[in-house]
Amino acid sequence: MQIVREIREIESDKLWINIPKKFLKKKVEVIVSTIEKRDHNTLLQKKLHAIDELNGLIANQSKKKLDEFDRVISERSPFRMDPIEL
């Protein structure tokens, strides 16, 4: 599959696109969408909030539970299908 992607500043209600010859006589999909800038401050705030919540949960645990938590995290594998019981 070949894809043509262009980012342009739109100054008119019409848009001309140069199509590769390979696309001739084929069905194509044309999608026009705005590009939203990520608000890095909002993203950072969400991450910090999640960390604060996790820290609150961990801080209320006993030493034994914290050691078990460290063990589980160190053994974490993205391929693990079954959860580890605490």
PDB file of N, CA and C in Angstrom:
ATOM      1  N   MET A   1       0.843  -1.166   0.000  1.00  0.00           N
ATOM      2  CA  MET A   1       0.000   0.000   0.000  1.00  0.00           C
ATOM      3  C   MET A   1       0.889   1.230   0.000  1.00  0.00           C
ATOM      4  N   GLN A   2       0.568   2.167  -0.829  1.00  0.00           N
ATOM      5  CA  GLN A   2       1.298   3.428  -0.874  1.00  0.00           C
ATOM      6  C   GLN A   2       0.405   4.507  -0.290  1.00  0.00           C
ATOM      7  N   ILE A   3       1.004   5.394   0.470  1.00  0.00           N
ATOM      8  CA  ILE A   3       0.260   6.469   1.124  1.00  0.00           C
ATOM      9  C   ILE A   3       0.905   7.797   0.783  1.00  0.00           C
ATOM     10  N   VAL A   4       0.068   8.774   0.516  1.00  0.00           N
ATOM     11  CA  VAL A   4       0.538  10.142   0.318  1.00  0.00           C
ATOM     12  C   VAL A   4       0.033  10.943   1.507  1.00  0.00           C
ATOM     13  N   ARG A   5       0.947  11.592   2.195  1.00  0.00           N
ATOM     14  CA  ARG A   5       0.552  12.417   3.337  1.00  0.00           C
ATOM     15  C   ARG A   5       1.186  13.790   3.175  1.00  0.00           C
ATOM     16  N   GLU A   6       0.370  14.800   3.246  1.00  0.00           N
ATOM     17  CA  GLU A   6       0.867  16.162   3.143  1.00  0.00           C
ATOM     18  C   GLU A   6       0.262  16.982   4.272  1.00  0.00           C
ATOM     19  N   ILE A   7       1.045  17.856   4.820  1.00  0.00           N
ATOM     20  CA  ILE A   7       0.540  18.789   5.825  1.00  0.00           C
ATOM     21  C   ILE A   7       0.632  20.177   5.216  1.00  0.00           C
ATOM     22  N   ARG A   8      -0.489  20.852   5.190  1.00  0.00           N
ATOM     23  CA  ARG A   8      -0.538  22.175   4.574  1.00  0.00           C
ATOM     24  C   ARG A   8      -1.304  23.149   5.445  1.00  0.00           C
ATOM     25  N   GLU A   9      -0.968  24.412   5.288  1.00  0.00           N
ATOM     26  CA  GLU A   9      -1.758  25.492   5.870  1.00  0.00           C
ATOM     27  C   GLU A   9      -2.861  25.802   4.867  1.00  0.00           C
ATOM     28  N   ILE A  10      -4.097  25.723   5.283  1.00  0.00           N
ATOM     29  CA  ILE A  10      -5.220  25.929   4.382  1.00  0.00           C
ATOM     30  C   ILE A  10      -5.587  27.414   4.346  1.00  0.00           C
ATOM     31  N   GLU A  11      -5.601  27.948   3.128  1.00  0.00           N
ATOM     32  CA  GLU A  11      -5.937  29.363   2.944  1.00  0.00           C
ATOM     33  C   GLU A  11      -7.134  29.541   2.021  1.00  0.00           C
ATOM     34  N   SER A  12      -7.730  28.437   1.589  1.00  0.00           N
ATOM     35  CA  SER A  12      -8.846  28.487   0.656  1.00  0.00           C
ATOM     36  C   SER A  12      -9.785  27.325   0.969  1.00  0.00           C
ATOM     37  N   ASP A  13     -10.978  27.353   0.375  1.00  0.00           N
ATOM     38  CA  ASP A  13     -11.898  26.247   0.574  1.00  0.00           C
ATOM     39  C   ASP A  13     -11.720  25.159  -0.482  1.00  0.00           C
ATOM     40  N   LYS A  14     -10.669  25.254  -1.272  1.00  0.00           N
ATOM     41  CA  LYS A  14     -10.347  24.247  -2.278  1.00  0.00           C
ATOM     42  C   LYS A  14      -8.927  23.737  -2.045  1.00  0.00           C
ATOM     43  N   LEU A  15      -8.729  22.482  -2.353  1.00  0.00           N
ATOM     44  CA  LEU A  15      -7.432  21.852  -2.126  1.00  0.00           C
ATOM     45  C   LEU A  15      -7.086  21.000  -3.348  1.00  0.00           C
ATOM     46  N   TRP A  16      -5.897  21.195  -3.878  1.00  0.00           N
ATOM     47  CA  TRP A  16      -5.405  20.406  -5.017  1.00  0.00           C
ATOM     48  C   TRP A  16      -4.325  19.462  -4.512  1.00  0.00           C
ATOM     49  N   ILE A  17      -4.438  18.198  -4.908  1.00  0.00           N
ATOM     50  CA  ILE A  17      -3.482  17.186  -4.467  1.00  0.00           C
ATOM     51  C   ILE A  17      -2.892  16.501  -5.693  1.00  0.00           C
ATOM     52  N   ASN A  18      -1.575  16.404  -5.741  1.00  0.00           N
ATOM     53  CA  ASN A  18      -0.910  15.641  -6.812  1.00  0.00           C
ATOM     54  C   ASN A  18      -0.993  14.163  -6.448  1.00  0.00           C
ATOM     55  N   ILE A  19      -1.564  13.397  -7.346  1.00  0.00           N
ATOM     56  CA  ILE A  19      -1.780  11.976  -7.114  1.00  0.00           C
ATOM     57  C   ILE A  19      -0.728  11.165  -7.869  1.00  0.00           C
ATOM     58  N   PRO A  20      -0.073  10.196  -7.208  1.00  0.00           N
ATOM     59  CA  PRO A  20       0.891   9.336  -7.906  1.00  0.00           C
ATOM     60  C   PRO A  20       0.205   8.551  -9.024  1.00  0.00           C
ATOM     61  N   LYS A  21       0.931   8.289 -10.076  1.00  0.00           N
ATOM     62  CA  LYS A  21       0.375   7.562 -11.227  1.00  0.00           C
ATOM     63  C   LYS A  21      -0.106   6.166 -10.837  1.00  0.00           C
ATOM     64  N   LYS A  22       0.505   5.581  -9.802  1.00  0.00           N
ATOM     65  CA  LYS A  22       0.071   4.263  -9.339  1.00  0.00           C
ATOM     66  C   LYS A  22      -1.371   4.267  -8.841  1.00  0.00           C
ATOM     67  N   PHE A  23      -1.875   5.441  -8.480  1.00  0.00           N
ATOM     68  CA  PHE A  23      -3.228   5.550  -7.944  1.00  0.00           C
ATOM     69  C   PHE A  23      -4.288   5.656  -9.041  1.00  0.00           C
ATOM     70  N   LEU A  24      -3.874   5.882 -10.272  1.00  0.00           N
ATOM     71  CA  LEU A  24      -4.842   6.077 -11.350  1.00  0.00           C
ATOM     72  C   LEU A  24      -5.704   4.834 -11.528  1.00  0.00           C
ATOM     73  N   LYS A  25      -6.969   5.054 -11.744  1.00  0.00           N
ATOM     74  CA  LYS A  25      -7.963   4.005 -11.958  1.00  0.00           C
ATOM     75  C   LYS A  25      -8.125   3.082 -10.760  1.00  0.00           C
ATOM     76  N   LYS A  26      -7.815   3.595  -9.572  1.00  0.00           N
ATOM     77  CA  LYS A  26      -8.005   2.833  -8.344  1.00  0.00           C
ATOM     78  C   LYS A  26      -8.897   3.628  -7.399  1.00  0.00           C
ATOM     79  N   LYS A  27      -9.542   2.911  -6.522  1.00  0.00           N
ATOM     80  CA  LYS A  27     -10.369   3.558  -5.507  1.00  0.00           C
ATOM     81  C   LYS A  27      -9.446   4.046  -4.388  1.00  0.00           C
ATOM     82  N   VAL A  28      -9.579   5.319  -3.994  1.00  0.00           N
ATOM     83  CA  VAL A  28      -8.743   5.884  -2.933  1.00  0.00           C
ATOM     84  C   VAL A  28      -9.640   6.522  -1.876  1.00  0.00           C
ATOM     85  N   GLU A  29      -9.071   6.703  -0.714  1.00  0.00           N
ATOM     86  CA  GLU A  29      -9.766   7.384   0.379  1.00  0.00           C
ATOM     87  C   GLU A  29      -9.048   8.696   0.633  1.00  0.00           C
ATOM     88  N   VAL A  30      -9.800   9.771   0.695  1.00  0.00           N
ATOM     89  CA  VAL A  30      -9.235  11.089   0.979  1.00  0.00           C
ATOM     90  C   VAL A  30      -9.780  11.530   2.330  1.00  0.00           C
ATOM     91  N   ILE A  31      -8.888  11.817   3.258  1.00  0.00           N
ATOM     92  CA  ILE A  31      -9.280  12.254   4.599  1.00  0.00           C
ATOM     93  C   ILE A  31      -8.654  13.617   4.848  1.00  0.00           C
ATOM     94  N   VAL A  32      -9.462  14.564   5.276  1.00  0.00           N
ATOM     95  CA  VAL A  32      -8.965  15.887   5.628  1.00  0.00           C
ATOM     96  C   VAL A  32      -9.280  16.105   7.096  1.00  0.00           C
ATOM     97  N   SER A  33      -8.261  16.421   7.868  1.00  0.00           N
ATOM     98  CA  SER A  33      -8.425  16.594   9.306  1.00  0.00           C
ATOM     99  C   SER A  33      -7.503  17.701   9.791  1.00  0.00           C
ATOM    100  N   THR A  34      -7.895  18.359  10.844  1.00  0.00           N
ATOM    101  CA  THR A  34      -7.005  19.354  11.438  1.00  0.00           C
ATOM    102  C   THR A  34      -5.969  18.638  12.295  1.00  0.00           C
ATOM    103  N   ILE A  35      -4.849  19.282  12.495  1.00  0.00           N
ATOM    104  CA  ILE A  35      -3.797  18.747  13.364  1.00  0.00           C
ATOM    105  C   ILE A  35      -3.864  19.537  14.662  1.00  0.00           C
ATOM    106  N   GLU A  36      -4.215  18.848  15.715  1.00  0.00           N
ATOM    107  CA  GLU A  36      -4.323  19.496  17.016  1.00  0.00           C
ATOM    108  C   GLU A  36      -2.980  19.435  17.723  1.00  0.00           C
ATOM    109  N   LYS A  37      -2.578  20.543  18.262  1.00  0.00           N
ATOM    110  CA  LYS A  37      -1.342  20.569  19.041  1.00  0.00           C
ATOM    111  C   LYS A  37      -1.632  19.955  20.405  1.00  0.00           C
ATOM    112  N   ARG A  38      -0.745  19.109  20.838  1.00  0.00           N
ATOM    113  CA  ARG A  38      -0.888  18.519  22.169  1.00  0.00           C
ATOM    114  C   ARG A  38      -0.586  19.575  23.213  1.00  0.00           C
ATOM    115  N   ASP A  39      -1.412  19.596  24.202  1.00  0.00           N
ATOM    116  CA  ASP A  39      -1.165  20.488  25.335  1.00  0.00           C
ATOM    117  C   ASP A  39      -0.264  19.737  26.305  1.00  0.00           C
ATOM    118  N   HIS A  40       1.035  19.993  26.217  1.00  0.00           N
ATOM    119  CA  HIS A  40       2.000  19.249  27.036  1.00  0.00           C
ATOM    120  C   HIS A  40       1.763  19.460  28.523  1.00  0.00           C
ATOM    121  N   ASN A  41       1.273  20.647  28.905  1.00  0.00           N
ATOM    122  CA  ASN A  41       1.008  20.888  30.326  1.00  0.00           C
ATOM    123  C   ASN A  41      -0.105  19.982  30.833  1.00  0.00           C
ATOM    124  N   THR A  42      -1.164  19.818  30.055  1.00  0.00           N
ATOM    125  CA  THR A  42      -2.268  18.951  30.457  1.00  0.00           C
ATOM    126  C   THR A  42      -1.804  17.504  30.533  1.00  0.00           C
ATOM    127  N   LEU A  43      -1.041  17.061  29.546  1.00  0.00           N
ATOM    128  CA  LEU A  43      -0.526  15.692  29.548  1.00  0.00           C
ATOM    129  C   LEU A  43       0.368  15.458  30.761  1.00  0.00           C
ATOM    130  N   LEU A  44       1.242  16.398  31.053  1.00  0.00           N
ATOM    131  CA  LEU A  44       2.128  16.281  32.208  1.00  0.00           C
ATOM    132  C   LEU A  44       1.328  16.262  33.509  1.00  0.00           C
ATOM    133  N   GLN A  45       0.309  17.108  33.600  1.00  0.00           N
ATOM    134  CA  GLN A  45      -0.523  17.137  34.809  1.00  0.00           C
ATOM    135  C   GLN A  45      -1.222  15.797  35.023  1.00  0.00           C
ATOM    136  N   LYS A  46      -1.713  15.179  33.949  1.00  0.00           N
ATOM    137  CA  LYS A  46      -2.368  13.875  34.069  1.00  0.00           C
ATOM    138  C   LYS A  46      -1.386  12.818  34.556  1.00  0.00           C
ATOM    139  N   LYS A  47      -0.160  12.843  34.016  1.00  0.00           N
ATOM    140  CA  LYS A  47       0.848  11.874  34.446  1.00  0.00           C
ATOM    141  C   LYS A  47       1.201  12.074  35.916  1.00  0.00           C
ATOM    142  N   LEU A  48       1.387  13.329  36.320  1.00  0.00           N
ATOM    143  CA  LEU A  48       1.735  13.610  37.720  1.00  0.00           C
ATOM    144  C   LEU A  48       0.601  13.208  38.653  1.00  0.00           C
ATOM    145  N   HIS A  49      -0.641  13.432  38.231  1.00  0.00           N
ATOM    146  CA  HIS A  49      -1.791  13.039  39.052  1.00  0.00           C
ATOM    147  C   HIS A  49      -1.814  11.518  39.238  1.00  0.00           C
ATOM    148  N   ALA A  50      -1.577  10.781  38.160  1.00  0.00           N
ATOM    149  CA  ALA A  50      -1.553   9.314  38.236  1.00  0.00           C
ATOM    150  C   ALA A  50      -0.445   8.838  39.168  1.00  0.00           C
ATOM    151  N   ILE A  51       0.717   9.488  39.093  1.00  0.00           N
ATOM    152  CA  ILE A  51       1.838   9.123  39.973  1.00  0.00           C
ATOM    153  C   ILE A  51       1.487   9.419  41.422  1.00  0.00           C
ATOM    154  N   ASP A  52       0.857  10.568  41.684  1.00  0.00           N
ATOM    155  CA  ASP A  52       0.437  10.913  43.046  1.00  0.00           C
ATOM    156  C   ASP A  52      -0.528   9.869  43.606  1.00  0.00           C
ATOM    157  N   GLU A  53      -1.495   9.444  42.777  1.00  0.00           N
ATOM    158  CA  GLU A  53      -2.447   8.434  43.235  1.00  0.00           C
ATOM    159  C   GLU A  53      -1.749   7.116  43.539  1.00  0.00           C
ATOM    160  N   LEU A  54      -0.825   6.713  42.666  1.00  0.00           N
ATOM    161  CA  LEU A  54      -0.090   5.474  42.891  1.00  0.00           C
ATOM    162  C   LEU A  54       0.764   5.577  44.146  1.00  0.00           C
ATOM    163  N   ASN A  55       1.435   6.710  44.337  1.00  0.00           N
ATOM    164  CA  ASN A  55       2.252   6.900  45.535  1.00  0.00           C
ATOM    165  C   ASN A  55       1.403   6.827  46.792  1.00  0.00           C
ATOM    166  N   GLY A  56       0.202   7.379  46.728  1.00  0.00           N
ATOM    167  CA  GLY A  56      -0.698   7.309  47.881  1.00  0.00           C
ATOM    168  C   GLY A  56      -1.082   5.883  48.214  1.00  0.00           C
ATOM    169  N   LEU A  57      -1.329   5.086  47.203  1.00  0.00           N
ATOM    170  CA  LEU A  57      -1.674   3.684  47.437  1.00  0.00           C
ATOM    171  C   LEU A  57      -0.505   2.909  48.015  1.00  0.00           C
ATOM    172  N   ILE A  58       0.676   3.168  47.477  1.00  0.00           N
ATOM    173  CA  ILE A  58       1.864   2.439  47.921  1.00  0.00           C
ATOM    174  C   ILE A  58       2.276   2.860  49.335  1.00  0.00           C
ATOM    175  N   ALA A  59       2.200   4.151  49.633  1.00  0.00           N
ATOM    176  CA  ALA A  59       2.660   4.663  50.925  1.00  0.00           C
ATOM    177  C   ALA A  59       1.880   4.076  52.089  1.00  0.00           C
ATOM    178  N   ASN A  60       0.646   3.668  51.858  1.00  0.00           N
ATOM    179  CA  ASN A  60      -0.191   3.138  52.928  1.00  0.00           C
ATOM    180  C   ASN A  60       0.013   1.645  53.162  1.00  0.00           C
ATOM    181  N   GLN A  61       0.987   1.041  52.504  1.00  0.00           N
ATOM    182  CA  GLN A  61       1.211  -0.391  52.614  1.00  0.00           C
ATOM    183  C   GLN A  61       2.314  -0.708  53.624  1.00  0.00           C
ATOM    184  N   SER A  62       2.286  -1.917  54.119  1.00  0.00           N
ATOM    185  CA  SER A  62       3.328  -2.371  55.041  1.00  0.00           C
ATOM    186  C   SER A  62       4.610  -2.667  54.270  1.00  0.00           C
ATOM    187  N   LYS A  63       5.714  -2.825  54.983  1.00  0.00           N
ATOM    188  CA  LYS A  63       7.002  -3.149  54.353  1.00  0.00           C
ATOM    189  C   LYS A  63       6.892  -4.446  53.563  1.00  0.00           C
ATOM    190  N   LYS A  64       6.194  -5.440  54.109  1.00  0.00           N
ATOM    191  CA  LYS A  64       6.033  -6.718  53.428  1.00  0.00           C
ATOM    192  C   LYS A  64       5.310  -6.523  52.092  1.00  0.00           C
ATOM    193  N   LYS A  65       4.228  -5.738  52.101  1.00  0.00           N
ATOM    194  CA  LYS A  65       3.474  -5.481  50.873  1.00  0.00           C
ATOM    195  C   LYS A  65       4.323  -4.700  49.877  1.00  0.00           C
ATOM    196  N   LEU A  66       5.122  -3.727  50.354  1.00  0.00           N
ATOM    197  CA  LEU A  66       5.978  -2.951  49.453  1.00  0.00           C
ATOM    198  C   LEU A  66       7.045  -3.827  48.815  1.00  0.00           C
ATOM    199  N   ASP A  67       7.618  -4.759  49.586  1.00  0.00           N
ATOM    200  CA  ASP A  67       8.597  -5.693  49.031  1.00  0.00           C
ATOM    201  C   ASP A  67       7.945  -6.582  47.974  1.00  0.00           C
ATOM    202  N   GLU A  68       6.723  -7.031  48.249  1.00  0.00           N
ATOM    203  CA  GLU A  68       5.998  -7.860  47.288  1.00  0.00           C
ATOM    204  C   GLU A  68       5.694  -7.053  46.023  1.00  0.00           C
ATOM    205  N   PHE A  69       5.337  -5.788  46.194  1.00  0.00           N
ATOM    206  CA  PHE A  69       5.076  -4.909  45.045  1.00  0.00           C
ATOM    207  C   PHE A  69       6.333  -4.776  44.185  1.00  0.00           C
ATOM    208  N   ASP A  70       7.476  -4.559  44.818  1.00  0.00           N
ATOM    209  CA  ASP A  70       8.748  -4.461  44.086  1.00  0.00           C
ATOM    210  C   ASP A  70       9.039  -5.752  43.319  1.00  0.00           C
ATOM    211  N   ARG A  71       8.757  -6.896  43.943  1.00  0.00           N
ATOM    212  CA  ARG A  71       8.984  -8.177  43.282  1.00  0.00           C
ATOM    213  C   ARG A  71       8.101  -8.309  42.042  1.00  0.00           C
ATOM    214  N   VAL A  72       6.843  -7.962  42.176  1.00  0.00           N
ATOM    215  CA  VAL A  72       5.908  -8.071  41.050  1.00  0.00           C
ATOM    216  C   VAL A  72       6.337  -7.162  39.912  1.00  0.00           C
ATOM    217  N   ILE A  73       6.695  -5.929  40.238  1.00  0.00           N
ATOM    218  CA  ILE A  73       7.119  -4.980  39.196  1.00  0.00           C
ATOM    219  C   ILE A  73       8.382  -5.474  38.506  1.00  0.00           C
ATOM    220  N   SER A  74       9.330  -6.016  39.269  1.00  0.00           N
ATOM    221  CA  SER A  74      10.581  -6.479  38.663  1.00  0.00           C
ATOM    222  C   SER A  74      10.360  -7.699  37.770  1.00  0.00           C
ATOM    223  N   GLU A  75       9.307  -8.475  38.015  1.00  0.00           N
ATOM    224  CA  GLU A  75       9.014  -9.658  37.208  1.00  0.00           C
ATOM    225  C   GLU A  75       8.019  -9.368  36.091  1.00  0.00           C
ATOM    226  N   ARG A  76       7.614  -8.133  35.975  1.00  0.00           N
ATOM    227  CA  ARG A  76       6.591  -7.765  34.993  1.00  0.00           C
ATOM    228  C   ARG A  76       7.077  -8.042  33.578  1.00  0.00           C
ATOM    229  N   SER A  77       6.223  -8.627  32.809  1.00  0.00           N
ATOM    230  CA  SER A  77       6.530  -8.949  31.422  1.00  0.00           C
ATOM    231  C   SER A  77       5.328  -8.558  30.565  1.00  0.00           C
ATOM    232  N   PRO A  78       5.562  -7.891  29.438  1.00  0.00           N
ATOM    233  CA  PRO A  78       4.425  -7.534  28.584  1.00  0.00           C
ATOM    234  C   PRO A  78       3.758  -8.758  27.956  1.00  0.00           C
ATOM    235  N   PHE A  79       4.406  -9.921  28.027  1.00  0.00           N
ATOM    236  CA  PHE A  79       3.848 -11.131  27.442  1.00  0.00           C
ATOM    237  C   PHE A  79       3.093 -11.981  28.448  1.00  0.00           C
ATOM    238  N   ARG A  80       3.085 -11.559  29.711  1.00  0.00           N
ATOM    239  CA  ARG A  80       2.415 -12.338  30.753  1.00  0.00           C
ATOM    240  C   ARG A  80       0.904 -12.314  30.509  1.00  0.00           C
ATOM    241  N   MET A  81       0.296 -13.493  30.501  1.00  0.00           N
ATOM    242  CA  MET A  81      -1.140 -13.581  30.238  1.00  0.00           C
ATOM    243  C   MET A  81      -1.951 -13.652  31.526  1.00  0.00           C
ATOM    244  N   ASP A  82      -1.365 -14.198  32.585  1.00  0.00           N
ATOM    245  CA  ASP A  82      -2.106 -14.332  33.829  1.00  0.00           C
ATOM    246  C   ASP A  82      -1.526 -13.370  34.877  1.00  0.00           C
ATOM    247  N   PRO A  83      -2.390 -12.742  35.655  1.00  0.00           N
ATOM    248  CA  PRO A  83      -1.891 -11.772  36.653  1.00  0.00           C
ATOM    249  C   PRO A  83      -1.190 -12.486  37.801  1.00  0.00           C
ATOM    250  N   ILE A  84      -0.284 -11.771  38.455  1.00  0.00           N
ATOM    251  CA  ILE A  84       0.395 -12.300  39.637  1.00  0.00           C
ATOM    252  C   ILE A  84      -0.438 -11.958  40.851  1.00  0.00           C
ATOM    253  N   GLU A  85      -0.722 -12.962  41.681  1.00  0.00           N
ATOM    254  CA  GLU A  85      -1.508 -12.733  42.877  1.00  0.00           C
ATOM    255  C   GLU A  85      -0.630 -12.099  43.956  1.00  0.00           C
ATOM    256  N   LEU A  86      -1.143 -11.083  44.623  1.00  0.00           N
ATOM    257  CA  LEU A  86      -0.437 -10.469  45.743  1.00  0.00           C
ATOM    258  C   LEU A  86      -0.915 -11.042  47.042  1.00  0.00           C
TER     259      LEU A  86
END
